[in-house]
Amino acid sequence: IVDSFGDRVTIGEVATDLGVIQYYEYTKPGRLNLAFNF
């Protein structure tokens, strides 16, 4: 939906026990643009 509106951005707050691996999962192509590296 967001991509259909052009050059917008999605940023995920991913509160997880799995760290960087899970931030990557949420930002793979087709998913969110960014996820905070907590």
PDB file of all heavy atoms in Angstrom:
ATOM      1  N   ILE A   1       0.839  -1.203   0.000  1.00  0.00           N
ATOM      2  CA  ILE A   1       0.000   0.000   0.000  1.00  0.00           C
ATOM      3  C   ILE A   1       0.867   1.244   0.000  1.00  0.00           C
ATOM      4  O   ILE A   1       0.658   2.179  -0.794  1.00  0.00           O
ATOM      5  CB  ILE A   1      -0.936   0.001   1.221  1.00  0.00           C
ATOM      6  CG1 ILE A   1      -1.960  -1.123   1.111  1.00  0.00           C
ATOM      7  CG2 ILE A   1      -1.642   1.352   1.368  1.00  0.00           C
ATOM      8  CD1 ILE A   1      -2.759  -1.363   2.384  1.00  0.00           C
ATOM      9  N   VAL A   2       1.849   1.295   0.871  1.00  0.00           N
ATOM     10  CA  VAL A   2       2.726   2.467   0.965  1.00  0.00           C
ATOM     11  C   VAL A   2       3.477   2.679  -0.345  1.00  0.00           C
ATOM     12  O   VAL A   2       3.593   3.803  -0.843  1.00  0.00           O
ATOM     13  CB  VAL A   2       3.690   2.327   2.155  1.00  0.00           C
ATOM     14  CG1 VAL A   2       4.687   3.482   2.183  1.00  0.00           C
ATOM     15  CG2 VAL A   2       2.917   2.269   3.473  1.00  0.00           C
ATOM     16  N   ASP A   3       3.994   1.611  -0.926  1.00  0.00           N
ATOM     17  CA  ASP A   3       4.739   1.720  -2.185  1.00  0.00           C
ATOM     18  C   ASP A   3       3.879   2.271  -3.316  1.00  0.00           C
ATOM     19  O   ASP A   3       4.385   2.940  -4.222  1.00  0.00           O
ATOM     20  CB  ASP A   3       5.288   0.348  -2.591  1.00  0.00           C
ATOM     21  CG  ASP A   3       6.498  -0.072  -1.760  1.00  0.00           C
ATOM     22  OD1 ASP A   3       7.090   0.799  -1.102  1.00  0.00           O
ATOM     23  OD2 ASP A   3       6.831  -1.278  -1.771  1.00  0.00           O
ATOM     24  N   SER A   4       2.581   2.006  -3.277  1.00  0.00           N
ATOM     25  CA  SER A   4       1.698   2.473  -4.347  1.00  0.00           C
ATOM     26  C   SER A   4       1.561   3.992  -4.361  1.00  0.00           C
ATOM     27  O   SER A   4       1.075   4.563  -5.341  1.00  0.00           O
ATOM     28  CB  SER A   4       0.315   1.824  -4.217  1.00  0.00           C
ATOM     29  OG  SER A   4      -0.394   2.339  -3.098  1.00  0.00           O
ATOM     30  N   PHE A   5       2.001   4.646  -3.291  1.00  0.00           N
ATOM     31  CA  PHE A   5       1.926   6.104  -3.204  1.00  0.00           C
ATOM     32  C   PHE A   5       3.252   6.775  -3.572  1.00  0.00           C
ATOM     33  O   PHE A   5       3.411   7.976  -3.388  1.00  0.00           O
ATOM     34  CB  PHE A   5       1.502   6.535  -1.797  1.00  0.00           C
ATOM     35  CG  PHE A   5       0.034   6.387  -1.542  1.00  0.00           C
ATOM     36  CD1 PHE A   5      -0.504   5.154  -1.184  1.00  0.00           C
ATOM     37  CD2 PHE A   5      -0.827   7.474  -1.675  1.00  0.00           C
ATOM     38  CE1 PHE A   5      -1.864   5.015  -0.951  1.00  0.00           C
ATOM     39  CE2 PHE A   5      -2.181   7.339  -1.451  1.00  0.00           C
ATOM     40  CZ  PHE A   5      -2.714   6.103  -1.087  1.00  0.00           C
ATOM     41  N   GLY A   6       4.195   6.012  -4.092  1.00  0.00           N
ATOM     42  CA  GLY A   6       5.447   6.612  -4.514  1.00  0.00           C
ATOM     43  C   GLY A   6       6.540   6.485  -3.484  1.00  0.00           C
ATOM     44  O   GLY A   6       6.569   5.538  -2.701  1.00  0.00           O
ATOM     45  N   ASP A   7       7.426   7.467  -3.450  1.00  0.00           N
ATOM     46  CA  ASP A   7       8.651   7.358  -2.676  1.00  0.00           C
ATOM     47  C   ASP A   7       8.414   7.727  -1.215  1.00  0.00           C
ATOM     48  O   ASP A   7       8.820   8.780  -0.737  1.00  0.00           O
ATOM     49  CB  ASP A   7       9.709   8.270  -3.292  1.00  0.00           C
ATOM     50  CG  ASP A   7      11.120   7.838  -2.927  1.00  0.00           C
ATOM     51  OD1 ASP A   7      11.267   6.740  -2.345  1.00  0.00           O
ATOM     52  OD2 ASP A   7      12.060   8.578  -3.223  1.00  0.00           O
ATOM     53  N   ARG A   8       7.736   6.857  -0.495  1.00  0.00           N
ATOM     54  CA  ARG A   8       7.475   7.040   0.929  1.00  0.00           C
ATOM     55  C   ARG A   8       8.361   6.065   1.712  1.00  0.00           C
ATOM     56  O   ARG A   8       9.089   5.270   1.124  1.00  0.00           O
ATOM     57  CB  ARG A   8       5.998   6.799   1.258  1.00  0.00           C
ATOM     58  CG  ARG A   8       5.000   7.465   0.285  1.00  0.00           C
ATOM     59  CD  ARG A   8       5.001   8.981   0.355  1.00  0.00           C
ATOM     60  NE  ARG A   8       4.131   9.570  -0.658  1.00  0.00           N
ATOM     61  CZ  ARG A   8       2.871   9.961  -0.456  1.00  0.00           C
ATOM     62  NH1 ARG A   8       2.325   9.818   0.742  1.00  0.00           N
ATOM     63  NH2 ARG A   8       2.173  10.498  -1.439  1.00  0.00           N
ATOM     64  N   VAL A   9       8.266   6.101   3.030  1.00  0.00           N
ATOM     65  CA  VAL A   9       9.138   5.242   3.835  1.00  0.00           C
ATOM     66  C   VAL A   9       8.342   4.582   4.956  1.00  0.00           C
ATOM     67  O   VAL A   9       7.398   5.171   5.494  1.00  0.00           O
ATOM     68  CB  VAL A   9      10.320   6.049   4.423  1.00  0.00           C
ATOM     69  CG1 VAL A   9       9.845   7.076   5.436  1.00  0.00           C
ATOM     70  CG2 VAL A   9      11.370   5.129   5.050  1.00  0.00           C
ATOM     71  N   THR A  10       8.726   3.359   5.286  1.00  0.00           N
ATOM     72  CA  THR A  10       8.203   2.669   6.465  1.00  0.00           C
ATOM     73  C   THR A  10       9.373   2.325   7.377  1.00  0.00           C
ATOM     74  O   THR A  10      10.418   1.867   6.922  1.00  0.00           O
ATOM     75  CB  THR A  10       7.466   1.373   6.089  1.00  0.00           C
ATOM     76  OG1 THR A  10       8.320   0.561   5.268  1.00  0.00           O
ATOM     77  CG2 THR A  10       6.176   1.675   5.337  1.00  0.00           C
ATOM     78  N   ILE A  11       9.173   2.568   8.670  1.00  0.00           N
ATOM     79  CA  ILE A  11      10.220   2.344   9.674  1.00  0.00           C
ATOM     80  C   ILE A  11       9.608   1.507  10.789  1.00  0.00           C
ATOM     81  O   ILE A  11       8.630   1.916  11.412  1.00  0.00           O
ATOM     82  CB  ILE A  11      10.725   3.677  10.252  1.00  0.00           C
ATOM     83  CG1 ILE A  11      11.166   4.632   9.133  1.00  0.00           C
ATOM     84  CG2 ILE A  11      11.850   3.436  11.244  1.00  0.00           C
ATOM     85  CD1 ILE A  11      11.113   6.087   9.526  1.00  0.00           C
ATOM     86  N   GLY A  12      10.158   0.358  11.040  1.00  0.00           N
ATOM     87  CA  GLY A  12       9.580  -0.531  12.026  1.00  0.00           C
ATOM     88  C   GLY A  12      10.256  -0.454  13.377  1.00  0.00           C
ATOM     89  O   GLY A  12      11.489  -0.476  13.466  1.00  0.00           O
ATOM     90  N   GLU A  13       9.446  -0.351  14.426  1.00  0.00           N
ATOM     91  CA  GLU A  13       9.943  -0.590  15.778  1.00  0.00           C
ATOM     92  C   GLU A  13       9.738  -2.071  16.043  1.00  0.00           C
ATOM     93  O   GLU A  13       8.607  -2.519  16.264  1.00  0.00           O
ATOM     94  CB  GLU A  13       9.198   0.245  16.820  1.00  0.00           C
ATOM     95  CG  GLU A  13       9.733   0.008  18.220  1.00  0.00           C
ATOM     96  CD  GLU A  13       8.820   0.522  19.324  1.00  0.00           C
ATOM     97  OE1 GLU A  13       7.594   0.561  19.125  1.00  0.00           O
ATOM     98  OE2 GLU A  13       9.340   0.869  20.397  1.00  0.00           O
ATOM     99  N   VAL A  14      10.810  -2.831  15.972  1.00  0.00           N
ATOM    100  CA  VAL A  14      10.754  -4.279  16.125  1.00  0.00           C
ATOM    101  C   VAL A  14      11.321  -4.631  17.498  1.00  0.00           C
ATOM    102  O   VAL A  14      12.531  -4.732  17.690  1.00  0.00           O
ATOM    103  CB  VAL A  14      11.532  -4.981  15.001  1.00  0.00           C
ATOM    104  CG1 VAL A  14      11.451  -6.499  15.155  1.00  0.00           C
ATOM    105  CG2 VAL A  14      10.989  -4.561  13.632  1.00  0.00           C
ATOM    106  N   ALA A  15      10.435  -4.780  18.453  1.00  0.00           N
ATOM    107  CA  ALA A  15      10.849  -5.121  19.820  1.00  0.00           C
ATOM    108  C   ALA A  15      10.981  -6.636  19.900  1.00  0.00           C
ATOM    109  O   ALA A  15       9.988  -7.352  19.964  1.00  0.00           O
ATOM    110  CB  ALA A  15       9.812  -4.620  20.820  1.00  0.00           C
ATOM    111  N   THR A  16      12.213  -7.131  19.887  1.00  0.00           N
ATOM    112  CA  THR A  16      12.423  -8.562  19.714  1.00  0.00           C
ATOM    113  C   THR A  16      13.556  -9.077  20.589  1.00  0.00           C
ATOM    114  O   THR A  16      14.443  -8.323  20.995  1.00  0.00           O
ATOM    115  CB  THR A  16      12.732  -8.873  18.235  1.00  0.00           C
ATOM    116  OG1 THR A  16      12.966 -10.272  18.065  1.00  0.00           O
ATOM    117  CG2 THR A  16      13.957  -8.111  17.751  1.00  0.00           C
ATOM    118  N   ASP A  17      13.513 -10.371  20.881  1.00  0.00           N
ATOM    119  CA  ASP A  17      14.609 -11.033  21.578  1.00  0.00           C
ATOM    120  C   ASP A  17      15.697 -11.474  20.599  1.00  0.00           C
ATOM    121  O   ASP A  17      16.762 -11.927  21.013  1.00  0.00           O
ATOM    122  CB  ASP A  17      14.105 -12.281  22.316  1.00  0.00           C
ATOM    123  CG  ASP A  17      13.122 -11.941  23.426  1.00  0.00           C
ATOM    124  OD1 ASP A  17      13.339 -10.927  24.114  1.00  0.00           O
ATOM    125  OD2 ASP A  17      12.139 -12.689  23.602  1.00  0.00           O
ATOM    126  N   LEU A  18      15.426 -11.360  19.300  1.00  0.00           N
ATOM    127  CA  LEU A  18      16.291 -11.956  18.285  1.00  0.00           C
ATOM    128  C   LEU A  18      17.259 -10.975  17.651  1.00  0.00           C
ATOM    129  O   LEU A  18      18.075 -11.348  16.816  1.00  0.00           O
ATOM    130  CB  LEU A  18      15.424 -12.609  17.199  1.00  0.00           C
ATOM    131  CG  LEU A  18      14.459 -13.682  17.709  1.00  0.00           C
ATOM    132  CD1 LEU A  18      13.596 -14.200  16.579  1.00  0.00           C
ATOM    133  CD2 LEU A  18      15.228 -14.826  18.363  1.00  0.00           C
ATOM    134  N   GLY A  19      17.183  -9.702  17.994  1.00  0.00           N
ATOM    135  CA  GLY A  19      18.166  -8.719  17.576  1.00  0.00           C
ATOM    136  C   GLY A  19      18.264  -8.493  16.085  1.00  0.00           C
ATOM    137  O   GLY A  19      17.264  -8.475  15.366  1.00  0.00           O
ATOM    138  N   VAL A  20      19.508  -8.335  15.600  1.00  0.00           N
ATOM    139  CA  VAL A  20      19.774  -7.913  14.226  1.00  0.00           C
ATOM    140  C   VAL A  20      19.154  -8.860  13.205  1.00  0.00           C
ATOM    141  O   VAL A  20      18.679  -8.432  12.150  1.00  0.00           O
ATOM    142  CB  VAL A  20      21.299  -7.797  14.003  1.00  0.00           C
ATOM    143  CG1 VAL A  20      21.612  -7.485  12.547  1.00  0.00           C
ATOM    144  CG2 VAL A  20      21.874  -6.703  14.899  1.00  0.00           C
ATOM    145  N   ILE A  21      19.139 -10.140  13.508  1.00  0.00           N
ATOM    146  CA  ILE A  21      18.544 -11.105  12.573  1.00  0.00           C
ATOM    147  C   ILE A  21      17.084 -10.765  12.306  1.00  0.00           C
ATOM    148  O   ILE A  21      16.612 -10.833  11.165  1.00  0.00           O
ATOM    149  CB  ILE A  21      18.675 -12.538  13.135  1.00  0.00           C
ATOM    150  CG1 ILE A  21      20.137 -12.968  13.149  1.00  0.00           C
ATOM    151  CG2 ILE A  21      17.836 -13.521  12.324  1.00  0.00           C
ATOM    152  CD1 ILE A  21      20.379 -14.300  13.816  1.00  0.00           C
ATOM    153  N   GLN A  22      16.371 -10.385  13.354  1.00  0.00           N
ATOM    154  CA  GLN A  22      14.961 -10.080  13.173  1.00  0.00           C
ATOM    155  C   GLN A  22      14.754  -8.727  12.495  1.00  0.00           C
ATOM    156  O   GLN A  22      13.811  -8.556  11.724  1.00  0.00           O
ATOM    157  CB  GLN A  22      14.238 -10.114  14.521  1.00  0.00           C
ATOM    158  CG  GLN A  22      12.737 -10.337  14.407  1.00  0.00           C
ATOM    159  CD  GLN A  22      12.377 -11.723  13.873  1.00  0.00           C
ATOM    160  OE1 GLN A  22      13.207 -12.440  13.315  1.00  0.00           O
ATOM    161  NE2 GLN A  22      11.133 -12.098  14.025  1.00  0.00           N
ATOM    162  N   TYR A  23      15.634  -7.749  12.737  1.00  0.00           N
ATOM    163  CA  TYR A  23      15.530  -6.475  12.018  1.00  0.00           C
ATOM    164  C   TYR A  23      15.693  -6.715  10.515  1.00  0.00           C
ATOM    165  O   TYR A  23      15.010  -6.098   9.692  1.00  0.00           O
ATOM    166  CB  TYR A  23      16.594  -5.485  12.497  1.00  0.00           C
ATOM    167  CG  TYR A  23      16.625  -5.274  13.998  1.00  0.00           C
ATOM    168  CD1 TYR A  23      17.826  -5.071  14.659  1.00  0.00           C
ATOM    169  CD2 TYR A  23      15.453  -5.286  14.756  1.00  0.00           C
ATOM    170  CE1 TYR A  23      17.871  -4.898  16.041  1.00  0.00           C
ATOM    171  CE2 TYR A  23      15.495  -5.116  16.133  1.00  0.00           C
ATOM    172  CZ  TYR A  23      16.697  -4.927  16.775  1.00  0.00           C
ATOM    173  OH  TYR A  23      16.730  -4.759  18.131  1.00  0.00           O
ATOM    174  N   TYR A  24      16.594  -7.628  10.190  1.00  0.00           N
ATOM    175  CA  TYR A  24      16.798  -7.989   8.782  1.00  0.00           C
ATOM    176  C   TYR A  24      15.552  -8.652   8.210  1.00  0.00           C
ATOM    177  O   TYR A  24      15.130  -8.343   7.085  1.00  0.00           O
ATOM    178  CB  TYR A  24      18.008  -8.917   8.677  1.00  0.00           C
ATOM    179  CG  TYR A  24      18.192  -9.581   7.338  1.00  0.00           C
ATOM    180  CD1 TYR A  24      18.587  -8.845   6.226  1.00  0.00           C
ATOM    181  CD2 TYR A  24      17.973 -10.947   7.184  1.00  0.00           C
ATOM    182  CE1 TYR A  24      18.764  -9.451   4.990  1.00  0.00           C
ATOM    183  CE2 TYR A  24      18.155 -11.571   5.963  1.00  0.00           C
ATOM    184  CZ  TYR A  24      18.547 -10.812   4.863  1.00  0.00           C
ATOM    185  OH  TYR A  24      18.708 -11.423   3.658  1.00  0.00           O
ATOM    186  N   GLU A  25      14.946  -9.563   8.967  1.00  0.00           N
ATOM    187  CA  GLU A  25      13.739 -10.236   8.480  1.00  0.00           C
ATOM    188  C   GLU A  25      12.646  -9.237   8.107  1.00  0.00           C
ATOM    189  O   GLU A  25      11.927  -9.415   7.133  1.00  0.00           O
ATOM    190  CB  GLU A  25      13.210 -11.206   9.548  1.00  0.00           C
ATOM    191  CG  GLU A  25      13.934 -12.529   9.623  1.00  0.00           C
ATOM    192  CD  GLU A  25      13.812 -13.334   8.344  1.00  0.00           C
ATOM    193  OE1 GLU A  25      12.717 -13.349   7.737  1.00  0.00           O
ATOM    194  OE2 GLU A  25      14.821 -13.931   7.939  1.00  0.00           O
ATOM    195  N   TYR A  26      12.523  -8.183   8.901  1.00  0.00           N
ATOM    196  CA  TYR A  26      11.455  -7.208   8.662  1.00  0.00           C
ATOM    197  C   TYR A  26      11.794  -6.208   7.563  1.00  0.00           C
ATOM    198  O   TYR A  26      10.927  -5.431   7.148  1.00  0.00           O
ATOM    199  CB  TYR A  26      11.105  -6.478   9.965  1.00  0.00           C
ATOM    200  CG  TYR A  26      10.145  -7.270  10.817  1.00  0.00           C
ATOM    201  CD1 TYR A  26      10.608  -8.285  11.646  1.00  0.00           C
ATOM    202  CD2 TYR A  26       8.773  -7.034  10.764  1.00  0.00           C
ATOM    203  CE1 TYR A  26       9.740  -9.041  12.414  1.00  0.00           C
ATOM    204  CE2 TYR A  26       7.893  -7.791  11.525  1.00  0.00           C
ATOM    205  CZ  TYR A  26       8.381  -8.791  12.342  1.00  0.00           C
ATOM    206  OH  TYR A  26       7.498  -9.552  13.092  1.00  0.00           O
ATOM    207  N   THR A  27      13.048  -6.208   7.082  1.00  0.00           N
ATOM    208  CA  THR A  27      13.422  -5.242   6.046  1.00  0.00           C
ATOM    209  C   THR A  27      13.901  -5.909   4.759  1.00  0.00           C
ATOM    210  O   THR A  27      14.509  -5.257   3.908  1.00  0.00           O
ATOM    211  CB  THR A  27      14.523  -4.297   6.573  1.00  0.00           C
ATOM    212  OG1 THR A  27      15.617  -5.062   7.093  1.00  0.00           O
ATOM    213  CG2 THR A  27      13.985  -3.400   7.669  1.00  0.00           C
ATOM    214  N   LYS A  28      13.638  -7.180   4.611  1.00  0.00           N
ATOM    215  CA  LYS A  28      13.925  -7.833   3.335  1.00  0.00           C
ATOM    216  C   LYS A  28      13.080  -7.178   2.234  1.00  0.00           C
ATOM    217  O   LYS A  28      12.056  -6.559   2.514  1.00  0.00           O
ATOM    218  CB  LYS A  28      13.594  -9.326   3.421  1.00  0.00           C
ATOM    219  CG  LYS A  28      14.606 -10.163   4.171  1.00  0.00           C
ATOM    220  CD  LYS A  28      14.184 -11.621   4.173  1.00  0.00           C
ATOM    221  CE  LYS A  28      15.213 -12.505   4.850  1.00  0.00           C
ATOM    222  NZ  LYS A  28      14.768 -13.920   4.903  1.00  0.00           N
ATOM    223  N   PRO A  29      13.502  -7.305   0.977  1.00  0.00           N
ATOM    224  CA  PRO A  29      12.723  -6.708  -0.125  1.00  0.00           C
ATOM    225  C   PRO A  29      11.256  -7.099  -0.050  1.00  0.00           C
ATOM    226  O   PRO A  29      10.907  -8.257   0.200  1.00  0.00           O
ATOM    227  CB  PRO A  29      13.404  -7.295  -1.365  1.00  0.00           C
ATOM    228  CG  PRO A  29      14.820  -7.509  -0.932  1.00  0.00           C
ATOM    229  CD  PRO A  29      14.736  -7.944   0.503  1.00  0.00           C
ATOM    230  N   GLY A  30      10.387  -6.110  -0.244  1.00  0.00           N
ATOM    231  CA  GLY A  30       8.951  -6.330  -0.176  1.00  0.00           C
ATOM    232  C   GLY A  30       8.376  -6.103   1.201  1.00  0.00           C
ATOM    233  O   GLY A  30       7.159  -6.093   1.378  1.00  0.00           O
ATOM    234  N   ARG A  31       9.263  -5.930   2.181  1.00  0.00           N
ATOM    235  CA  ARG A  31       8.816  -5.666   3.545  1.00  0.00           C
ATOM    236  C   ARG A  31       9.142  -4.206   3.896  1.00  0.00           C
ATOM    237  O   ARG A  31       9.111  -3.352   3.034  1.00  0.00           O
ATOM    238  CB  ARG A  31       9.443  -6.673   4.508  1.00  0.00           C
ATOM    239  CG  ARG A  31       8.965  -8.098   4.208  1.00  0.00           C
ATOM    240  CD  ARG A  31       9.646  -9.160   5.035  1.00  0.00           C
ATOM    241  NE  ARG A  31       9.172 -10.489   4.642  1.00  0.00           N
ATOM    242  CZ  ARG A  31       9.715 -11.626   5.026  1.00  0.00           C
ATOM    243  NH1 ARG A  31      10.775 -11.614   5.829  1.00  0.00           N
ATOM    244  NH2 ARG A  31       9.221 -12.782   4.614  1.00  0.00           N
ATOM    245  N   LEU A  32       9.398  -3.909   5.142  1.00  0.00           N
ATOM    246  CA  LEU A  32       9.628  -2.523   5.544  1.00  0.00           C
ATOM    247  C   LEU A  32      10.927  -1.988   4.956  1.00  0.00           C
ATOM    248  O   LEU A  32      11.853  -2.741   4.667  1.00  0.00           O
ATOM    249  CB  LEU A  32       9.672  -2.428   7.067  1.00  0.00           C
ATOM    250  CG  LEU A  32       8.453  -2.955   7.819  1.00  0.00           C
ATOM    251  CD1 LEU A  32       8.679  -2.812   9.325  1.00  0.00           C
ATOM    252  CD2 LEU A  32       7.188  -2.221   7.402  1.00  0.00           C
ATOM    253  N   ASN A  33      10.985  -0.669   4.809  1.00  0.00           N
ATOM    254  CA  ASN A  33      12.223  -0.055   4.314  1.00  0.00           C
ATOM    255  C   ASN A  33      13.313  -0.065   5.380  1.00  0.00           C
ATOM    256  O   ASN A  33      14.481  -0.309   5.070  1.00  0.00           O
ATOM    257  CB  ASN A  33      11.964   1.386   3.878  1.00  0.00           C
ATOM    258  CG  ASN A  33      10.929   1.496   2.781  1.00  0.00           C
ATOM    259  OD1 ASN A  33       9.942   2.221   2.916  1.00  0.00           O
ATOM    260  ND2 ASN A  33      11.122   0.773   1.692  1.00  0.00           N
ATOM    261  N   LEU A  34      12.926   0.195   6.632  1.00  0.00           N
ATOM    262  CA  LEU A  34      13.894   0.320   7.717  1.00  0.00           C
ATOM    263  C   LEU A  34      13.345  -0.309   8.986  1.00  0.00           C
ATOM    264  O   LEU A  34      12.132  -0.393   9.165  1.00  0.00           O
ATOM    265  CB  LEU A  34      14.214   1.791   8.003  1.00  0.00           C
ATOM    266  CG  LEU A  34      14.806   2.639   6.881  1.00  0.00           C
ATOM    267  CD1 LEU A  34      14.779   4.118   7.264  1.00  0.00           C
ATOM    268  CD2 LEU A  34      16.227   2.193   6.560  1.00  0.00           C
ATOM    269  N   ALA A  35      14.244  -0.721   9.862  1.00  0.00           N
ATOM    270  CA  ALA A  35      13.872  -1.136  11.217  1.00  0.00           C
ATOM    271  C   ALA A  35      14.978  -0.655  12.148  1.00  0.00           C
ATOM    272  O   ALA A  35      16.160  -0.840  11.867  1.00  0.00           O
ATOM    273  CB  ALA A  35      13.718  -2.653  11.317  1.00  0.00           C
ATOM    274  N   PHE A  36      14.598  -0.026  13.238  1.00  0.00           N
ATOM    275  CA  PHE A  36      15.587   0.495  14.180  1.00  0.00           C
ATOM    276  C   PHE A  36      16.518  -0.608  14.668  1.00  0.00           C
ATOM    277  O   PHE A  36      16.063  -1.684  15.056  1.00  0.00           O
ATOM    278  CB  PHE A  36      14.893   1.102  15.404  1.00  0.00           C
ATOM    279  CG  PHE A  36      14.020   2.278  15.103  1.00  0.00           C
ATOM    280  CD1 PHE A  36      12.658   2.209  15.318  1.00  0.00           C
ATOM    281  CD2 PHE A  36      14.558   3.460  14.618  1.00  0.00           C
ATOM    282  CE1 PHE A  36      11.836   3.289  15.053  1.00  0.00           C
ATOM    283  CE2 PHE A  36      13.746   4.554  14.352  1.00  0.00           C
ATOM    284  CZ  PHE A  36      12.388   4.471  14.567  1.00  0.00           C
ATOM    285  N   ASN A  37      17.815  -0.324  14.666  1.00  0.00           N
ATOM    286  CA  ASN A  37      18.790  -1.280  15.189  1.00  0.00           C
ATOM    287  C   ASN A  37      18.973  -1.020  16.681  1.00  0.00           C
ATOM    288  O   ASN A  37      19.845  -0.257  17.097  1.00  0.00           O
ATOM    289  CB  ASN A  37      20.122  -1.134  14.448  1.00  0.00           C
ATOM    290  CG  ASN A  37      21.090  -2.246  14.781  1.00  0.00           C
ATOM    291  OD1 ASN A  37      20.974  -2.892  15.829  1.00  0.00           O
ATOM    292  ND2 ASN A  37      22.055  -2.487  13.917  1.00  0.00           N
ATOM    293  N   PHE A  38      18.144  -1.654  17.492  1.00  0.00           N
ATOM    294  CA  PHE A  38      18.214  -1.445  18.935  1.00  0.00           C
ATOM    295  C   PHE A  38      19.419  -2.130  19.571  1.00  0.00           C
ATOM    296  O   PHE A  38      19.802  -1.797  20.698  1.00  0.00           O
ATOM    297  CB  PHE A  38      16.917  -1.920  19.603  1.00  0.00           C
ATOM    298  CG  PHE A  38      15.731  -1.057  19.286  1.00  0.00           C
ATOM    299  CD1 PHE A  38      14.480  -1.613  19.137  1.00  0.00           C
ATOM    300  CD2 PHE A  38      15.861   0.309  19.155  1.00  0.00           C
ATOM    301  CE1 PHE A  38      13.374  -0.827  18.859  1.00  0.00           C
ATOM    302  CE2 PHE A  38      14.767   1.120  18.870  1.00  0.00           C
ATOM    303  CZ  PHE A  38      13.513   0.551  18.726  1.00  0.00           C
TER     304      PHE A  38
END
